[in-house]
């Protein structure tokens, strides 16, 4: 009942937010929080639950963004019709990348994903069909509602809220399925999980593909909101770092951890950029680095882990009971 109550309160606050804070900046800020929460929740499937820390997830973000803008720029279709294509491309690419890289563990896997991400960015930067360094643009003026090109951030806010709810539901369903139990066992000890019959390689690959597909949706929504994508905004390694830190800050491996991390980090970045202007670009990297150090040193489980129920003294299995 307590969890249901908190979920109801959180839902009510999320729905009422743009009605209570109606300035354009506040609505845009809320939309960005939800957008990055989608991306961080998608990363959380493989990074939080499976323990495979990918720093190259921006590849799948870029798949969605380029598919959405490519549907309009190359075929004259609504960017909305590029989302299924982005999902298929991202999942297929995750399968190709995951087979060799998921054999690695720890920082070796992270380094491999960085290498893949940077390679893809360089390829796209030098591919004229994908706009090269200039990128691709969407419709400047909406032709119909399917273009999802709005002047106000309010429609984007509620669209992102719906997609985030779907993403969280998929994550919740996954964690309570056999796949979720396998992933938690693999995260604790892959060798022990294998010895008990868990299909570790296949399960990690499926989680990687699911995470990639959901990340591509976030990339497509990002491109539709801003109306363009280029190698830096769609494939820049900083995007991967951001979504990783959001999940870790709120609580990697926890359902609402990425949302909490996004609610803290996105306003911090946006406010510093608005106050400092162009001078705040370098400060962003300093803040990200400081957050990584603080999380690793003081709270590896993230902020939400502070509120997890802890067993009462004497309630542990095997603990002596008072006479």
Protein backbone atom coordinates (compact mmCIF):
# COMPACT_ATOMS: atom_id res chain seq x y z
CA UNK A 1 0.00 0.00 0.00
CA UNK A 2 2.83 2.39 0.80
CA UNK A 3 4.42 1.80 -2.61
CA UNK A 4 1.05 2.30 -4.33
CA UNK A 5 0.54 5.55 -2.41
CA UNK A 6 3.97 6.90 -3.41
CA UNK A 7 3.37 5.87 -7.02
CA UNK A 8 0.03 7.69 -7.04
CA UNK A 9 1.58 10.83 -5.59
CA UNK A 10 4.44 10.72 -8.10
CA UNK A 11 2.00 10.28 -10.99
CA UNK A 12 -0.18 13.16 -9.80
CA UNK A 13 2.84 15.46 -9.47
CA UNK A 14 4.09 14.50 -12.94
CA UNK A 15 0.70 15.12 -14.56
CA UNK A 16 0.13 18.44 -12.75
CA UNK A 17 3.68 19.80 -13.17
CA UNK A 18 3.16 21.79 -16.41
CA UNK A 19 -0.14 23.16 -15.08
CA UNK A 20 1.45 24.40 -11.85
CA UNK A 21 4.68 25.70 -13.48
CA UNK A 22 3.54 27.11 -16.79
CA UNK A 23 6.50 29.20 -17.98
CA UNK A 24 8.10 28.03 -21.26
CA UNK A 25 11.45 27.39 -19.54
CA UNK A 26 9.86 25.24 -16.83
CA UNK A 27 7.83 23.23 -19.33
CA UNK A 28 10.90 22.65 -21.50
CA UNK A 29 12.88 21.64 -18.42
CA UNK A 30 10.22 19.14 -17.43
CA UNK A 31 10.16 17.67 -20.94
CA UNK A 32 13.94 17.26 -20.93
CA UNK A 33 13.87 15.55 -17.53
CA UNK A 34 11.37 13.00 -18.87
CA UNK A 35 13.29 12.54 -22.11
CA UNK A 36 16.58 11.76 -20.38
CA UNK A 37 14.74 9.62 -17.83
CA UNK A 38 13.58 7.45 -20.75
CA UNK A 39 17.14 7.08 -22.03
CA UNK A 40 18.54 6.41 -18.54
CA UNK A 41 15.79 3.87 -17.78
CA UNK A 42 16.62 2.08 -21.03
CA UNK A 43 20.33 2.02 -20.08
CA UNK A 44 19.35 0.75 -16.61
CA UNK A 45 18.15 -2.56 -18.07
CA UNK A 46 21.64 -3.58 -19.13
CA UNK A 47 23.76 -1.37 -16.89
CA UNK A 48 21.75 -1.55 -13.67
CA UNK A 49 20.09 -4.96 -13.67
CA UNK A 50 22.65 -6.91 -15.72
CA UNK A 51 25.70 -5.06 -14.39
CA UNK A 52 27.12 -4.46 -17.90
CA UNK A 53 28.26 -0.83 -17.78
CA UNK A 54 27.93 0.40 -21.35
CA UNK A 55 29.48 3.79 -22.10
CA UNK A 56 28.61 3.55 -25.79
CA UNK A 57 24.82 3.54 -25.57
CA UNK A 58 24.75 6.74 -27.59
CA UNK A 59 25.07 4.51 -30.68
CA UNK A 60 21.47 3.35 -30.17
CA UNK A 61 20.34 6.87 -29.26
CA UNK A 62 21.75 7.99 -32.60
CA UNK A 63 20.03 5.14 -34.45
CA UNK A 64 16.65 6.45 -33.34
CA UNK A 65 17.50 10.10 -33.98
CA UNK A 66 18.87 9.51 -37.49
CA UNK A 67 16.02 7.13 -38.39
CA UNK A 68 13.42 9.73 -37.39
CA UNK A 69 15.08 12.59 -39.27
CA UNK A 70 15.99 10.32 -42.19
CA UNK A 71 12.34 9.35 -42.68
CA UNK A 72 11.58 13.00 -43.43
CA UNK A 73 14.80 14.12 -45.15
CA UNK A 74 15.12 11.09 -47.45
CA UNK A 75 11.56 9.87 -47.97
CA UNK A 76 9.34 12.83 -47.09
CA UNK A 77 7.59 10.86 -44.34
CA UNK A 78 6.72 11.97 -40.85
CA UNK A 79 9.62 11.51 -38.41
CA UNK A 80 7.20 9.43 -36.37
CA UNK A 81 7.42 6.68 -38.99
CA UNK A 82 11.18 6.48 -38.46
CA UNK A 83 10.76 5.15 -34.89
CA UNK A 84 10.07 1.50 -35.87
CA UNK A 85 13.02 1.59 -38.25
CA UNK A 86 15.25 2.98 -35.52
CA UNK A 87 14.14 0.25 -33.11
CA UNK A 88 14.93 -2.50 -35.63
CA UNK A 89 18.31 -1.00 -36.56
CA UNK A 90 19.29 -0.45 -32.91
CA UNK A 91 18.28 -3.99 -31.87
CA UNK A 92 20.11 -5.52 -34.84
CA UNK A 93 23.19 -3.42 -34.17
CA UNK A 94 23.07 -4.41 -30.48
CA UNK A 95 23.02 -8.06 -31.52
CA UNK A 96 26.06 -7.58 -33.75
CA UNK A 97 27.95 -5.55 -31.15
CA UNK A 98 26.84 -7.63 -28.18
CA UNK A 99 28.01 -11.03 -29.37
CA UNK A 100 31.74 -10.15 -29.13
CA UNK A 101 31.68 -7.38 -26.50
CA UNK A 102 29.47 -9.13 -23.92
CA UNK A 103 32.14 -11.81 -23.64
CA UNK A 104 34.21 -9.13 -21.90
CA UNK A 105 33.64 -8.03 -18.34
CA UNK A 106 34.18 -4.99 -16.17
CA UNK A 107 36.04 -2.04 -17.62
CA UNK A 108 37.04 -4.07 -20.69
CA UNK A 109 33.40 -4.15 -21.77
CA UNK A 110 33.04 -0.41 -21.08
CA UNK A 111 36.15 0.39 -23.13
CA UNK A 112 34.87 -1.74 -26.03
CA UNK A 113 31.54 0.13 -26.09
CA UNK A 114 33.35 3.49 -26.11
CA UNK A 115 35.42 2.33 -29.09
CA UNK A 116 32.28 1.23 -30.97
CA UNK A 117 30.52 4.54 -30.24
CA UNK A 118 33.43 6.66 -31.43
CA UNK A 119 33.84 4.52 -34.56
CA UNK A 120 30.16 4.97 -35.44
CA UNK A 121 30.38 8.72 -34.88
CA UNK A 122 33.34 9.00 -37.24
CA UNK A 123 31.58 6.87 -39.86
CA UNK A 124 28.44 9.02 -39.75
CA UNK A 125 30.51 12.23 -39.80
CA UNK A 126 32.05 11.13 -43.10
CA UNK A 127 28.87 9.75 -44.72
CA UNK A 128 27.21 12.26 -47.04
CA UNK A 129 23.95 10.30 -47.22
CA UNK A 130 23.49 10.88 -43.47
CA UNK A 131 24.31 14.57 -43.74
CA UNK A 132 27.95 14.17 -42.71
CA UNK A 133 29.00 16.82 -40.17
CA UNK A 134 25.94 18.99 -40.95
CA UNK A 135 23.41 16.33 -40.01
CA UNK A 136 19.74 15.94 -40.95
CA UNK A 137 16.81 18.27 -40.29
CA UNK A 138 13.12 17.62 -39.80
CA UNK A 139 10.11 19.66 -40.98
CA UNK A 140 10.46 23.33 -40.06
CA UNK A 141 6.67 23.76 -40.11
CA UNK A 142 4.34 20.96 -39.10
CA UNK A 143 2.40 19.53 -42.05
CA UNK A 144 0.13 17.44 -39.85
CA UNK A 145 -0.06 16.17 -36.29
CA UNK A 146 2.08 13.13 -37.13
CA UNK A 147 5.12 15.37 -37.65
CA UNK A 148 5.11 16.01 -33.86
CA UNK A 149 6.48 19.50 -34.46
CA UNK A 150 5.08 21.79 -31.77
CA UNK A 151 5.89 25.36 -30.77
CA UNK A 152 5.21 24.71 -27.09
CA UNK A 153 7.00 22.13 -24.95
CA UNK A 154 3.71 21.10 -23.32
CA UNK A 155 2.73 18.43 -25.93
CA UNK A 156 6.27 17.00 -25.77
CA UNK A 157 6.02 16.82 -21.99
CA UNK A 158 2.92 14.64 -22.00
CA UNK A 159 4.20 12.55 -24.92
CA UNK A 160 7.46 11.88 -23.07
CA UNK A 161 5.53 11.13 -19.87
CA UNK A 162 3.53 8.46 -21.72
CA UNK A 163 6.66 6.90 -23.24
CA UNK A 164 8.41 6.95 -19.85
CA UNK A 165 5.44 5.17 -18.26
CA UNK A 166 5.61 2.48 -20.97
CA UNK A 167 9.38 2.15 -20.51
CA UNK A 168 9.05 1.78 -16.74
CA UNK A 169 6.28 -0.79 -17.19
CA UNK A 170 8.45 -2.83 -19.57
CA UNK A 171 11.32 -2.63 -17.09
CA UNK A 172 9.09 -3.66 -14.19
CA UNK A 173 7.69 -6.58 -16.19
CA UNK A 174 11.18 -7.64 -17.21
CA UNK A 175 12.53 -7.56 -13.66
CA UNK A 176 9.68 -9.74 -12.40
CA UNK A 177 10.07 -12.28 -15.19
CA UNK A 178 12.53 -15.16 -15.45
CA UNK A 179 14.82 -12.89 -17.44
CA UNK A 180 14.99 -10.44 -14.54
CA UNK A 181 15.93 -13.17 -12.08
CA UNK A 182 18.63 -14.38 -14.45
CA UNK A 183 20.02 -10.87 -14.81
CA UNK A 184 20.24 -10.31 -11.07
CA UNK A 185 21.97 -13.63 -10.64
CA UNK A 186 24.41 -12.79 -13.44
CA UNK A 187 25.13 -9.41 -11.90
CA UNK A 188 25.91 -10.97 -8.50
CA UNK A 189 28.10 -13.73 -9.92
CA UNK A 190 28.03 -14.78 -13.56
CA UNK A 191 30.07 -17.90 -12.85
CA UNK A 192 27.66 -19.04 -10.13
CA UNK A 193 24.67 -18.26 -12.37
CA UNK A 194 26.14 -20.37 -15.17
CA UNK A 195 26.80 -23.24 -12.77
CA UNK A 196 23.12 -23.23 -11.82
CA UNK A 197 22.03 -23.42 -15.44
CA UNK A 198 21.28 -19.77 -16.22
CA UNK A 199 21.86 -18.96 -19.93
CA UNK A 200 24.11 -16.00 -19.14
CA UNK A 201 25.28 -15.11 -22.67
CA UNK A 202 21.82 -15.26 -24.19
CA UNK A 203 20.18 -13.37 -21.33
CA UNK A 204 22.74 -10.56 -21.44
CA UNK A 205 22.32 -10.28 -25.21
CA UNK A 206 18.53 -10.06 -24.92
CA UNK A 207 18.86 -7.36 -22.25
CA UNK A 208 21.32 -5.47 -24.43
CA UNK A 209 18.94 -5.60 -27.41
CA UNK A 210 15.93 -4.53 -25.34
CA UNK A 211 17.92 -1.67 -23.84
CA UNK A 212 19.10 -0.61 -27.31
CA UNK A 213 15.57 -0.62 -28.72
CA UNK A 214 14.22 1.60 -25.92
CA UNK A 215 17.23 3.93 -26.16
CA UNK A 216 16.54 4.41 -29.86
CA UNK A 217 13.02 5.61 -29.01
CA UNK A 218 14.54 8.27 -26.72
CA UNK A 219 16.85 9.35 -29.55
CA UNK A 220 13.94 9.65 -31.98
CA UNK A 221 11.95 11.76 -29.52
CA UNK A 222 14.98 13.98 -28.93
CA UNK A 223 15.40 14.58 -32.67
CA UNK A 224 11.71 15.36 -33.14
CA UNK A 225 11.71 17.83 -30.27
CA UNK A 226 14.76 19.75 -31.51
CA UNK A 227 14.08 19.24 -35.24
CA UNK A 228 17.55 18.09 -36.26
CA UNK A 229 20.37 15.69 -35.51
CA UNK A 230 24.10 15.84 -36.21
CA UNK A 231 27.03 13.64 -35.14
CA UNK A 232 27.62 15.62 -31.95
CA UNK A 233 24.01 15.86 -30.74
CA UNK A 234 23.09 12.33 -31.80
CA UNK A 235 26.31 10.38 -31.32
CA UNK A 236 28.44 12.44 -28.93
CA UNK A 237 29.97 10.34 -26.16
CA UNK A 238 28.82 12.89 -23.56
CA UNK A 239 25.24 11.66 -24.05
CA UNK A 240 26.27 8.19 -22.93
CA UNK A 241 28.03 9.65 -19.91
CA UNK A 242 24.96 11.69 -18.98
CA UNK A 243 22.50 8.81 -19.04
CA UNK A 244 24.97 6.58 -17.18
CA UNK A 245 25.42 9.16 -14.41
CA UNK A 246 21.66 9.77 -14.17
CA UNK A 247 21.01 6.08 -13.57
CA UNK A 248 23.91 5.75 -11.12
CA UNK A 249 23.00 8.95 -9.25
CA UNK A 250 19.39 7.93 -8.67
CA UNK A 251 20.12 4.24 -8.21
CA UNK A 252 21.22 1.80 -10.91
CA UNK A 253 19.19 -1.38 -10.76
CA UNK A 254 16.21 0.41 -9.17
CA UNK A 255 13.06 1.11 -11.17
CA UNK A 256 12.79 4.84 -10.41
CA UNK A 257 16.51 5.47 -9.96
CA UNK A 258 17.05 6.91 -13.48
CA UNK A 259 14.07 9.24 -13.06
CA UNK A 260 15.45 10.63 -9.79
CA UNK A 261 18.89 11.07 -11.36
CA UNK A 262 17.44 12.88 -14.36
CA UNK A 263 15.34 15.12 -12.10
CA UNK A 264 18.56 16.23 -10.37
CA UNK A 265 21.09 16.37 -13.19
CA UNK A 266 19.05 17.93 -16.02
CA UNK A 267 17.93 21.03 -14.04
CA UNK A 268 21.49 21.41 -12.74
CA UNK A 269 22.88 21.40 -16.29
CA UNK A 270 20.18 23.65 -17.74
CA UNK A 271 20.41 26.23 -14.95
CA UNK A 272 24.23 26.35 -15.14
CA UNK A 273 24.05 26.77 -18.93
CA UNK A 274 21.50 29.57 -18.66
CA UNK A 275 23.48 31.38 -15.97
CA UNK A 276 26.96 30.94 -17.43
CA UNK A 277 26.04 30.80 -21.12
CA UNK A 278 28.75 29.38 -23.34
CA UNK A 279 31.23 29.47 -20.46
CA UNK A 280 29.31 26.65 -18.75
CA UNK A 281 30.18 24.03 -21.39
CA UNK A 282 33.45 23.06 -19.77
CA UNK A 283 31.93 23.21 -16.30
CA UNK A 284 29.52 20.43 -17.30
CA UNK A 285 32.40 17.96 -17.62
CA UNK A 286 33.75 19.02 -14.23
CA UNK A 287 30.33 18.49 -12.60
CA UNK A 288 29.93 15.06 -14.20
CA UNK A 289 33.38 14.02 -13.01
CA UNK A 290 32.68 15.25 -9.48
CA UNK A 291 29.37 13.36 -9.37
CA UNK A 292 31.07 10.13 -10.48
CA UNK A 293 33.67 10.48 -7.72
CA UNK A 294 31.07 11.26 -5.04
CA UNK A 295 28.82 8.37 -6.03
CA UNK A 296 31.71 5.91 -6.12
CA UNK A 297 33.08 7.11 -2.78
CA UNK A 298 30.00 7.70 -0.63
CA UNK A 299 26.89 6.11 -2.17
CA UNK A 300 27.56 3.45 -4.83
CA UNK A 301 23.92 2.33 -4.67
CA UNK A 302 22.55 5.76 -5.62
CA UNK A 303 20.23 8.14 -3.79
CA UNK A 304 17.21 5.83 -3.72
CA UNK A 305 19.20 3.12 -1.96
CA UNK A 306 19.11 5.36 1.12
CA UNK A 307 15.36 4.82 1.33
CA UNK A 308 15.33 1.07 0.85
CA UNK A 309 13.98 -0.87 3.79
CA UNK A 310 16.69 -2.28 5.97
CA UNK A 311 16.09 -5.37 8.09
CA UNK A 312 15.50 -4.75 11.75
CA UNK A 313 18.18 -5.94 14.17
CA UNK A 314 17.73 -9.62 14.86
CA UNK A 315 15.50 -10.18 11.78
CA UNK A 316 18.26 -11.58 9.56
CA UNK A 317 18.28 -15.26 8.80
CA UNK A 318 20.24 -17.08 11.46
CA UNK A 319 20.36 -14.07 13.78
CA UNK A 320 19.87 -14.89 17.48
CA UNK A 321 16.48 -13.98 18.89
CA UNK A 322 15.96 -12.34 22.20
CA UNK A 323 14.72 -14.75 24.85
